[in-house]
N, C-alpha and C. Protein backbone atom coordinates (compact mmCIF):
# COMPACT_ATOMS: atom_id res chain seq x y z
N MET A 1 -1.09 -15.38 -29.72
CA MET A 1 -0.89 -14.36 -28.69
C MET A 1 -0.48 -13.07 -29.38
N GLY A 2 -1.17 -11.98 -29.03
CA GLY A 2 -0.88 -10.68 -29.62
C GLY A 2 0.44 -10.12 -29.14
N ARG A 3 0.84 -9.02 -29.75
CA ARG A 3 2.13 -8.40 -29.43
C ARG A 3 2.19 -7.94 -27.97
N ILE A 4 1.10 -7.34 -27.49
CA ILE A 4 1.08 -6.85 -26.11
C ILE A 4 1.12 -8.02 -25.13
N GLU A 5 0.27 -9.03 -25.36
CA GLU A 5 0.26 -10.20 -24.48
C GLU A 5 1.62 -10.89 -24.48
N GLU A 6 2.22 -10.98 -25.65
CA GLU A 6 3.54 -11.63 -25.73
C GLU A 6 4.58 -10.86 -24.94
N ARG A 7 4.52 -9.56 -25.02
CA ARG A 7 5.52 -8.74 -24.32
C ARG A 7 5.34 -8.78 -22.81
N PHE A 8 4.10 -8.68 -22.33
CA PHE A 8 3.87 -8.54 -20.90
C PHE A 8 3.45 -9.82 -20.19
N LEU A 9 2.95 -10.79 -20.91
CA LEU A 9 2.44 -12.00 -20.27
C LEU A 9 3.20 -13.26 -20.65
N LYS A 10 4.32 -13.15 -21.33
CA LYS A 10 5.01 -14.35 -21.81
C LYS A 10 5.47 -15.26 -20.66
N ASP A 11 5.89 -14.70 -19.52
CA ASP A 11 6.36 -15.51 -18.40
C ASP A 11 5.33 -15.60 -17.27
N TYR A 12 4.12 -15.15 -17.51
CA TYR A 12 3.11 -15.10 -16.47
C TYR A 12 2.33 -16.41 -16.41
N ASN A 13 2.20 -16.94 -15.20
CA ASN A 13 1.41 -18.15 -14.97
C ASN A 13 0.49 -17.87 -13.79
N PRO A 14 -0.84 -17.70 -14.03
CA PRO A 14 -1.74 -17.36 -12.91
C PRO A 14 -1.87 -18.47 -11.87
N ASP A 15 -1.47 -19.69 -12.21
CA ASP A 15 -1.55 -20.79 -11.25
C ASP A 15 -0.34 -20.86 -10.33
N ASN A 16 0.70 -20.10 -10.63
CA ASN A 16 1.93 -20.10 -9.85
C ASN A 16 1.83 -19.03 -8.75
N VAL A 17 1.14 -19.35 -7.68
CA VAL A 17 0.92 -18.41 -6.58
C VAL A 17 1.69 -18.89 -5.35
N ALA A 18 2.37 -17.96 -4.72
CA ALA A 18 3.15 -18.31 -3.53
C ALA A 18 2.22 -18.72 -2.40
N PRO A 19 2.64 -19.67 -1.57
CA PRO A 19 1.78 -20.12 -0.47
C PRO A 19 1.69 -19.06 0.64
N PHE A 20 0.59 -19.10 1.37
CA PHE A 20 0.40 -18.22 2.51
C PHE A 20 1.08 -18.86 3.71
N ASN A 21 2.38 -18.57 3.87
CA ASN A 21 3.20 -19.26 4.87
C ASN A 21 3.50 -18.35 6.06
N TRP A 22 4.37 -18.83 6.96
CA TRP A 22 4.71 -18.10 8.17
C TRP A 22 5.32 -16.74 7.85
N ARG A 23 6.07 -16.64 6.77
CA ARG A 23 6.71 -15.38 6.41
C ARG A 23 5.67 -14.32 6.08
N ARG A 24 4.69 -14.69 5.31
CA ARG A 24 3.63 -13.74 4.95
C ARG A 24 2.78 -13.38 6.17
N ILE A 25 2.52 -14.34 7.02
CA ILE A 25 1.77 -14.06 8.25
C ILE A 25 2.54 -13.07 9.12
N LEU A 26 3.84 -13.28 9.25
CA LEU A 26 4.68 -12.38 10.05
C LEU A 26 4.70 -10.97 9.46
N ILE A 27 4.76 -10.88 8.14
CA ILE A 27 4.74 -9.58 7.48
C ILE A 27 3.42 -8.86 7.77
N LEU A 28 2.32 -9.57 7.66
CA LEU A 28 1.02 -8.97 7.96
C LEU A 28 0.93 -8.51 9.41
N LEU A 29 1.47 -9.30 10.33
CA LEU A 29 1.43 -8.93 11.74
C LEU A 29 2.27 -7.68 12.01
N VAL A 30 3.44 -7.59 11.39
CA VAL A 30 4.29 -6.39 11.56
C VAL A 30 3.57 -5.17 11.00
N PHE A 31 2.96 -5.34 9.83
CA PHE A 31 2.22 -4.23 9.22
C PHE A 31 1.06 -3.79 10.10
N LEU A 32 0.29 -4.76 10.59
CA LEU A 32 -0.85 -4.43 11.44
C LEU A 32 -0.42 -3.80 12.76
N ALA A 33 0.71 -4.21 13.29
CA ALA A 33 1.20 -3.67 14.56
C ALA A 33 1.56 -2.19 14.45
N ALA A 34 1.87 -1.73 13.26
CA ALA A 34 2.24 -0.33 13.09
C ALA A 34 1.08 0.61 13.40
N PHE A 35 -0.15 0.18 13.15
CA PHE A 35 -1.29 1.07 13.31
C PHE A 35 -1.63 1.38 14.77
N PRO A 36 -1.65 0.39 15.66
CA PRO A 36 -1.84 0.77 17.07
C PRO A 36 -0.71 1.64 17.60
N VAL A 37 0.51 1.40 17.13
CA VAL A 37 1.63 2.24 17.56
C VAL A 37 1.42 3.66 17.05
N MET A 38 0.99 3.80 15.80
CA MET A 38 0.74 5.13 15.25
C MET A 38 -0.39 5.83 16.00
N ILE A 39 -1.47 5.11 16.27
CA ILE A 39 -2.60 5.70 16.99
C ILE A 39 -2.17 6.15 18.38
N TRP A 40 -1.39 5.32 19.06
CA TRP A 40 -0.87 5.72 20.36
C TRP A 40 0.01 6.96 20.22
N GLY A 41 0.90 6.95 19.22
CA GLY A 41 1.81 8.08 19.04
C GLY A 41 1.10 9.38 18.78
N VAL A 42 0.05 9.34 17.96
CA VAL A 42 -0.68 10.56 17.62
C VAL A 42 -1.54 11.02 18.80
N SER A 43 -2.22 10.08 19.45
CA SER A 43 -3.15 10.49 20.51
C SER A 43 -2.48 10.75 21.85
N VAL A 44 -1.40 10.03 22.16
CA VAL A 44 -0.76 10.18 23.47
C VAL A 44 0.63 10.79 23.36
N GLY A 45 1.39 10.34 22.38
CA GLY A 45 2.79 10.75 22.28
C GLY A 45 3.05 12.07 21.58
N GLY A 46 2.02 12.70 21.03
CA GLY A 46 2.21 13.99 20.36
C GLY A 46 2.88 13.87 19.00
N TRP A 47 2.73 12.75 18.34
CA TRP A 47 3.36 12.55 17.04
C TRP A 47 2.64 13.35 15.96
N TRP A 48 3.39 13.62 14.90
CA TRP A 48 2.80 14.21 13.71
C TRP A 48 3.49 13.60 12.51
N PHE A 49 3.60 14.31 11.41
CA PHE A 49 4.06 13.71 10.17
C PHE A 49 5.46 13.09 10.26
N ALA A 50 6.39 13.76 10.90
CA ALA A 50 7.77 13.25 10.95
C ALA A 50 7.83 11.91 11.69
N GLU A 51 7.16 11.83 12.81
CA GLU A 51 7.19 10.59 13.59
C GLU A 51 6.43 9.46 12.91
N MET A 52 5.26 9.79 12.32
CA MET A 52 4.50 8.76 11.61
C MET A 52 5.27 8.27 10.39
N SER A 53 5.93 9.19 9.68
CA SER A 53 6.74 8.80 8.52
C SER A 53 7.88 7.89 8.95
N ALA A 54 8.53 8.22 10.05
CA ALA A 54 9.63 7.39 10.54
C ALA A 54 9.12 6.00 10.94
N LEU A 55 7.95 5.94 11.57
CA LEU A 55 7.37 4.65 11.94
C LEU A 55 7.14 3.80 10.70
N PHE A 56 6.47 4.35 9.70
CA PHE A 56 6.16 3.55 8.52
C PHE A 56 7.40 3.24 7.68
N PHE A 57 8.38 4.12 7.69
CA PHE A 57 9.63 3.81 7.01
C PHE A 57 10.32 2.63 7.70
N GLY A 58 10.35 2.66 9.03
CA GLY A 58 10.95 1.55 9.78
C GLY A 58 10.20 0.24 9.56
N VAL A 59 8.88 0.30 9.57
CA VAL A 59 8.07 -0.90 9.31
C VAL A 59 8.33 -1.40 7.89
N ALA A 60 8.44 -0.49 6.94
CA ALA A 60 8.73 -0.89 5.56
C ALA A 60 10.07 -1.61 5.46
N LEU A 61 11.06 -1.10 6.17
CA LEU A 61 12.38 -1.76 6.15
C LEU A 61 12.32 -3.16 6.75
N VAL A 62 11.59 -3.31 7.85
CA VAL A 62 11.42 -4.63 8.47
C VAL A 62 10.70 -5.57 7.52
N ILE A 63 9.65 -5.08 6.86
CA ILE A 63 8.90 -5.92 5.92
C ILE A 63 9.76 -6.31 4.72
N ILE A 64 10.55 -5.38 4.22
CA ILE A 64 11.45 -5.71 3.11
C ILE A 64 12.40 -6.81 3.52
N PHE A 65 12.95 -6.71 4.74
CA PHE A 65 13.87 -7.74 5.22
C PHE A 65 13.15 -9.08 5.36
N LEU A 66 11.95 -9.07 5.97
CA LEU A 66 11.20 -10.31 6.18
C LEU A 66 10.76 -10.95 4.87
N SER A 67 10.48 -10.14 3.87
CA SER A 67 9.97 -10.67 2.60
C SER A 67 11.05 -11.35 1.79
N GLY A 68 12.30 -11.05 2.07
CA GLY A 68 13.38 -11.66 1.31
C GLY A 68 13.60 -11.00 -0.04
N LEU A 69 13.10 -9.78 -0.21
CA LEU A 69 13.29 -9.08 -1.48
C LEU A 69 14.76 -8.76 -1.69
N SER A 70 15.15 -8.77 -2.94
CA SER A 70 16.52 -8.37 -3.26
C SER A 70 16.61 -6.85 -3.15
N GLU A 71 17.82 -6.36 -3.21
CA GLU A 71 18.04 -4.91 -3.11
C GLU A 71 17.32 -4.18 -4.24
N LYS A 72 17.40 -4.72 -5.44
CA LYS A 72 16.76 -4.09 -6.60
C LYS A 72 15.24 -4.04 -6.42
N GLU A 73 14.66 -5.12 -5.97
CA GLU A 73 13.21 -5.16 -5.75
C GLU A 73 12.80 -4.21 -4.64
N ALA A 74 13.61 -4.12 -3.60
CA ALA A 74 13.30 -3.22 -2.49
C ALA A 74 13.33 -1.76 -2.95
N VAL A 75 14.30 -1.43 -3.79
CA VAL A 75 14.40 -0.06 -4.32
C VAL A 75 13.17 0.25 -5.17
N GLN A 76 12.71 -0.72 -5.96
CA GLN A 76 11.51 -0.51 -6.77
C GLN A 76 10.29 -0.26 -5.88
N MET A 77 10.21 -0.98 -4.78
CA MET A 77 9.07 -0.81 -3.89
C MET A 77 9.09 0.57 -3.23
N VAL A 78 10.25 1.02 -2.81
CA VAL A 78 10.36 2.35 -2.22
C VAL A 78 10.00 3.42 -3.26
N LEU A 79 10.45 3.22 -4.49
CA LEU A 79 10.12 4.15 -5.57
C LEU A 79 8.61 4.22 -5.78
N PHE A 80 7.93 3.08 -5.75
CA PHE A 80 6.48 3.04 -5.92
C PHE A 80 5.80 3.82 -4.81
N SER A 81 6.26 3.67 -3.59
CA SER A 81 5.66 4.40 -2.46
C SER A 81 5.84 5.90 -2.61
N ILE A 82 7.00 6.33 -3.05
CA ILE A 82 7.25 7.76 -3.25
C ILE A 82 6.37 8.29 -4.36
N LEU A 83 6.26 7.54 -5.44
CA LEU A 83 5.40 7.96 -6.55
C LEU A 83 3.96 8.11 -6.09
N GLY A 84 3.49 7.19 -5.25
CA GLY A 84 2.12 7.21 -4.78
C GLY A 84 1.78 8.45 -3.97
N PHE A 85 2.74 8.99 -3.28
CA PHE A 85 2.48 10.19 -2.49
C PHE A 85 2.37 11.43 -3.37
N PHE A 86 3.21 11.53 -4.40
CA PHE A 86 3.25 12.73 -5.22
C PHE A 86 2.35 12.69 -6.44
N ILE A 87 1.99 11.50 -6.89
CA ILE A 87 1.13 11.39 -8.06
C ILE A 87 -0.26 10.97 -7.56
N THR A 88 -1.14 11.93 -7.46
CA THR A 88 -2.45 11.65 -6.88
C THR A 88 -3.43 11.10 -7.90
N SER A 89 -3.10 11.17 -9.16
CA SER A 89 -3.96 10.60 -10.19
C SER A 89 -3.85 9.08 -10.15
N SER A 90 -4.97 8.40 -9.93
CA SER A 90 -4.92 6.94 -9.84
C SER A 90 -4.52 6.31 -11.16
N SER A 91 -5.02 6.83 -12.26
CA SER A 91 -4.65 6.25 -13.55
C SER A 91 -3.20 6.59 -13.91
N GLY A 92 -2.76 7.79 -13.55
CA GLY A 92 -1.36 8.16 -13.80
C GLY A 92 -0.40 7.32 -12.99
N LEU A 93 -0.76 7.08 -11.73
CA LEU A 93 0.08 6.25 -10.87
C LEU A 93 0.10 4.80 -11.36
N ALA A 94 -1.06 4.31 -11.80
CA ALA A 94 -1.12 2.94 -12.33
C ALA A 94 -0.25 2.82 -13.58
N THR A 95 -0.29 3.82 -14.44
CA THR A 95 0.53 3.80 -15.66
C THR A 95 2.01 3.76 -15.33
N LEU A 96 2.41 4.49 -14.29
CA LEU A 96 3.82 4.50 -13.92
C LEU A 96 4.23 3.29 -13.08
N SER A 97 3.33 2.78 -12.25
CA SER A 97 3.74 1.77 -11.28
C SER A 97 3.50 0.33 -11.71
N MET A 98 2.48 0.07 -12.49
CA MET A 98 2.18 -1.32 -12.84
C MET A 98 3.29 -2.00 -13.64
N PRO A 99 4.02 -1.29 -14.52
CA PRO A 99 5.16 -1.95 -15.16
C PRO A 99 6.25 -2.37 -14.16
N ILE A 100 6.24 -1.75 -12.98
CA ILE A 100 7.18 -2.15 -11.93
C ILE A 100 6.57 -3.27 -11.09
N MET A 101 5.30 -3.10 -10.72
CA MET A 101 4.66 -4.03 -9.79
C MET A 101 4.35 -5.40 -10.41
N ALA A 102 3.97 -5.44 -11.69
CA ALA A 102 3.62 -6.73 -12.30
C ALA A 102 4.81 -7.69 -12.33
N PRO A 103 5.99 -7.28 -12.81
CA PRO A 103 7.13 -8.20 -12.76
C PRO A 103 7.56 -8.53 -11.33
N LEU A 104 7.39 -7.57 -10.41
CA LEU A 104 7.72 -7.83 -9.02
C LEU A 104 6.79 -8.89 -8.45
N ALA A 105 5.51 -8.83 -8.79
CA ALA A 105 4.55 -9.84 -8.36
C ALA A 105 4.92 -11.20 -8.93
N ASP A 106 5.31 -11.22 -10.20
CA ASP A 106 5.73 -12.48 -10.82
C ASP A 106 6.94 -13.06 -10.09
N LYS A 107 7.83 -12.20 -9.70
CA LYS A 107 9.07 -12.64 -9.03
C LYS A 107 8.76 -13.32 -7.69
N VAL A 108 7.80 -12.80 -6.96
CA VAL A 108 7.45 -13.38 -5.66
C VAL A 108 6.28 -14.36 -5.77
N ARG A 109 5.92 -14.71 -7.00
CA ARG A 109 4.87 -15.68 -7.30
C ARG A 109 3.52 -15.27 -6.70
N LEU A 110 3.18 -14.00 -6.89
CA LEU A 110 1.90 -13.49 -6.45
C LEU A 110 1.08 -13.17 -7.70
N SER A 111 -0.16 -13.57 -7.70
CA SER A 111 -1.02 -13.38 -8.85
C SER A 111 -1.17 -11.89 -9.15
N ARG A 112 -1.17 -11.55 -10.44
CA ARG A 112 -1.26 -10.14 -10.83
C ARG A 112 -2.61 -9.53 -10.45
N ASP A 113 -3.65 -10.31 -10.43
CA ASP A 113 -4.95 -9.74 -10.06
C ASP A 113 -4.95 -9.30 -8.60
N ILE A 114 -4.17 -9.95 -7.75
CA ILE A 114 -4.06 -9.54 -6.35
C ILE A 114 -3.32 -8.20 -6.25
N VAL A 115 -2.31 -8.03 -7.11
CA VAL A 115 -1.57 -6.77 -7.12
C VAL A 115 -2.49 -5.62 -7.53
N VAL A 116 -3.32 -5.85 -8.53
CA VAL A 116 -4.25 -4.81 -8.98
C VAL A 116 -5.27 -4.51 -7.89
N THR A 117 -5.77 -5.53 -7.22
CA THR A 117 -6.73 -5.33 -6.13
C THR A 117 -6.07 -4.55 -4.99
N ALA A 118 -4.86 -4.93 -4.62
CA ALA A 118 -4.14 -4.22 -3.55
C ALA A 118 -3.90 -2.76 -3.95
N TYR A 119 -3.56 -2.54 -5.21
CA TYR A 119 -3.36 -1.17 -5.70
C TYR A 119 -4.65 -0.36 -5.55
N ASN A 120 -5.77 -0.95 -5.95
CA ASN A 120 -7.05 -0.24 -5.87
C ASN A 120 -7.43 0.08 -4.43
N TRP A 121 -7.29 -0.90 -3.54
CA TRP A 121 -7.60 -0.65 -2.12
C TRP A 121 -6.69 0.45 -1.57
N GLY A 122 -5.40 0.32 -1.83
CA GLY A 122 -4.44 1.30 -1.30
C GLY A 122 -4.65 2.69 -1.86
N GLN A 123 -4.92 2.77 -3.15
CA GLN A 123 -5.14 4.08 -3.78
C GLN A 123 -6.39 4.75 -3.21
N GLY A 124 -7.44 3.98 -3.06
CA GLY A 124 -8.67 4.54 -2.48
C GLY A 124 -8.48 4.94 -1.04
N TRP A 125 -7.74 4.13 -0.30
CA TRP A 125 -7.49 4.41 1.11
C TRP A 125 -6.67 5.68 1.29
N MET A 126 -5.62 5.84 0.49
CA MET A 126 -4.75 7.01 0.61
C MET A 126 -5.43 8.29 0.15
N ALA A 127 -6.43 8.17 -0.73
CA ALA A 127 -7.10 9.37 -1.23
C ALA A 127 -7.78 10.16 -0.11
N PHE A 128 -8.09 9.49 1.00
CA PHE A 128 -8.74 10.18 2.12
C PHE A 128 -7.81 11.09 2.90
N ILE A 129 -6.51 10.82 2.87
CA ILE A 129 -5.61 11.58 3.74
C ILE A 129 -4.45 12.27 3.02
N THR A 130 -4.17 11.92 1.77
CA THR A 130 -3.02 12.51 1.09
C THR A 130 -3.26 14.00 0.89
N PRO A 131 -2.44 14.85 1.50
CA PRO A 131 -2.68 16.29 1.40
C PRO A 131 -2.33 16.87 0.04
N THR A 132 -1.77 16.08 -0.86
CA THR A 132 -1.43 16.60 -2.18
C THR A 132 -2.59 16.49 -3.16
N GLY A 133 -3.67 15.83 -2.77
CA GLY A 133 -4.84 15.71 -3.65
C GLY A 133 -5.83 16.83 -3.41
N LEU A 134 -7.09 16.53 -3.57
CA LEU A 134 -8.14 17.52 -3.38
C LEU A 134 -8.57 17.70 -1.93
N ILE A 135 -7.99 16.93 -1.04
CA ILE A 135 -8.43 16.98 0.36
C ILE A 135 -8.26 18.38 0.95
N LEU A 136 -7.09 18.99 0.81
CA LEU A 136 -6.86 20.29 1.43
C LEU A 136 -7.76 21.36 0.84
N ALA A 137 -7.94 21.37 -0.48
CA ALA A 137 -8.81 22.37 -1.10
C ALA A 137 -10.26 22.19 -0.64
N THR A 138 -10.70 20.94 -0.58
CA THR A 138 -12.07 20.66 -0.15
C THR A 138 -12.27 21.06 1.31
N LEU A 139 -11.30 20.73 2.15
CA LEU A 139 -11.42 21.09 3.57
C LEU A 139 -11.43 22.61 3.75
N GLU A 140 -10.67 23.32 2.95
CA GLU A 140 -10.66 24.77 3.03
C GLU A 140 -12.02 25.34 2.65
N MET A 141 -12.66 24.76 1.64
CA MET A 141 -13.97 25.25 1.20
C MET A 141 -15.04 25.08 2.28
N VAL A 142 -14.93 24.03 3.08
CA VAL A 142 -15.94 23.78 4.13
C VAL A 142 -15.47 24.20 5.51
N ASP A 143 -14.30 24.87 5.56
CA ASP A 143 -13.75 25.42 6.79
C ASP A 143 -13.53 24.35 7.87
N VAL A 144 -12.88 23.25 7.46
CA VAL A 144 -12.50 22.19 8.39
C VAL A 144 -10.98 22.05 8.33
N THR A 145 -10.34 22.04 9.49
CA THR A 145 -8.88 21.90 9.50
C THR A 145 -8.48 20.45 9.22
N TYR A 146 -7.25 20.29 8.77
CA TYR A 146 -6.76 18.96 8.40
C TYR A 146 -6.72 18.03 9.61
N ASP A 147 -6.33 18.54 10.78
CA ASP A 147 -6.30 17.68 11.97
C ASP A 147 -7.70 17.23 12.38
N LYS A 148 -8.71 18.09 12.22
CA LYS A 148 -10.08 17.68 12.51
C LYS A 148 -10.53 16.60 11.52
N TRP A 149 -10.15 16.78 10.28
CA TRP A 149 -10.49 15.79 9.25
C TRP A 149 -9.87 14.43 9.60
N LEU A 150 -8.60 14.45 10.01
CA LEU A 150 -7.93 13.19 10.37
C LEU A 150 -8.62 12.52 11.55
N LYS A 151 -9.00 13.30 12.55
CA LYS A 151 -9.70 12.73 13.70
C LYS A 151 -11.03 12.09 13.28
N PHE A 152 -11.68 12.69 12.30
CA PHE A 152 -12.95 12.16 11.82
C PHE A 152 -12.74 10.92 10.94
N ILE A 153 -11.76 10.96 10.04
CA ILE A 153 -11.65 9.92 9.01
C ILE A 153 -10.82 8.72 9.45
N LEU A 154 -9.91 8.87 10.41
CA LEU A 154 -9.05 7.75 10.79
C LEU A 154 -9.80 6.53 11.31
N PRO A 155 -10.86 6.68 12.12
CA PRO A 155 -11.60 5.47 12.51
C PRO A 155 -12.21 4.75 11.30
N LEU A 156 -12.78 5.52 10.38
CA LEU A 156 -13.33 4.91 9.17
C LEU A 156 -12.23 4.25 8.35
N MET A 157 -11.08 4.90 8.27
CA MET A 157 -9.96 4.32 7.52
C MET A 157 -9.48 3.02 8.17
N GLY A 158 -9.55 2.96 9.48
CA GLY A 158 -9.20 1.71 10.16
C GLY A 158 -10.13 0.59 9.77
N ILE A 159 -11.43 0.89 9.71
CA ILE A 159 -12.41 -0.12 9.31
C ILE A 159 -12.18 -0.54 7.86
N VAL A 160 -12.04 0.44 6.97
CA VAL A 160 -11.82 0.14 5.55
C VAL A 160 -10.49 -0.59 5.36
N GLY A 161 -9.45 -0.16 6.08
CA GLY A 161 -8.16 -0.83 5.98
C GLY A 161 -8.22 -2.27 6.45
N GLY A 162 -8.89 -2.50 7.58
CA GLY A 162 -9.05 -3.87 8.07
C GLY A 162 -9.82 -4.74 7.10
N PHE A 163 -10.89 -4.18 6.55
CA PHE A 163 -11.69 -4.92 5.56
C PHE A 163 -10.87 -5.24 4.32
N SER A 164 -10.09 -4.26 3.84
CA SER A 164 -9.28 -4.50 2.64
C SER A 164 -8.22 -5.55 2.89
N ILE A 165 -7.62 -5.54 4.07
CA ILE A 165 -6.62 -6.57 4.40
C ILE A 165 -7.28 -7.94 4.43
N LEU A 166 -8.45 -8.02 5.04
CA LEU A 166 -9.18 -9.28 5.08
C LEU A 166 -9.50 -9.78 3.67
N MET A 167 -9.96 -8.88 2.81
CA MET A 167 -10.28 -9.28 1.44
C MET A 167 -9.04 -9.73 0.67
N LEU A 168 -7.92 -9.05 0.89
CA LEU A 168 -6.68 -9.45 0.21
C LEU A 168 -6.19 -10.81 0.71
N ILE A 169 -6.32 -11.05 2.00
CA ILE A 169 -5.95 -12.37 2.56
C ILE A 169 -6.83 -13.45 1.94
N LEU A 170 -8.13 -13.20 1.90
CA LEU A 170 -9.04 -14.18 1.30
C LEU A 170 -8.72 -14.41 -0.17
N GLN A 171 -8.41 -13.34 -0.88
CA GLN A 171 -8.08 -13.48 -2.30
C GLN A 171 -6.79 -14.26 -2.49
N THR A 172 -5.84 -14.08 -1.58
CA THR A 172 -4.58 -14.81 -1.67
C THR A 172 -4.78 -16.29 -1.37
N ILE A 173 -5.64 -16.59 -0.39
CA ILE A 173 -5.88 -17.98 0.00
C ILE A 173 -6.68 -18.73 -1.06
N ILE A 174 -7.68 -18.04 -1.60
CA ILE A 174 -8.60 -18.72 -2.54
C ILE A 174 -8.00 -18.86 -3.90
């Protein structure tokens, strides 16, 4: 085993995967429930960034509680989410976050390849709406406002998000 493999893979066992149990199902249901609430809030309730942020922060806290993560692991997860918003470079974010996420995955007995797949789906998904990336500059060049862009892209993001969740569930089960 090389120096890098020894350092990063010494305690890794790809066969040690946590079962898809009631806790994980409940976490997925809570996560999925946030989206109809957000859609209702934006379309009917007049929500915008503050309300949507509060919704997802609250859902994140519920998921952290349901997952049984320790305080240290929960802080790492919140840090990863903050980094993802401000660091729009996918390779830069991977460089900063994977040293956090890989041991966290090992701790909860989740295969590392699932973490990488989830990272890729999430990074691609967020690239459509994160205003810190090229979205605002591109929209300005074509004279489309950000709210019009969101109205156009959110249905597609729902389809892509649903598909990615389905693929992650299948990858976890198989």
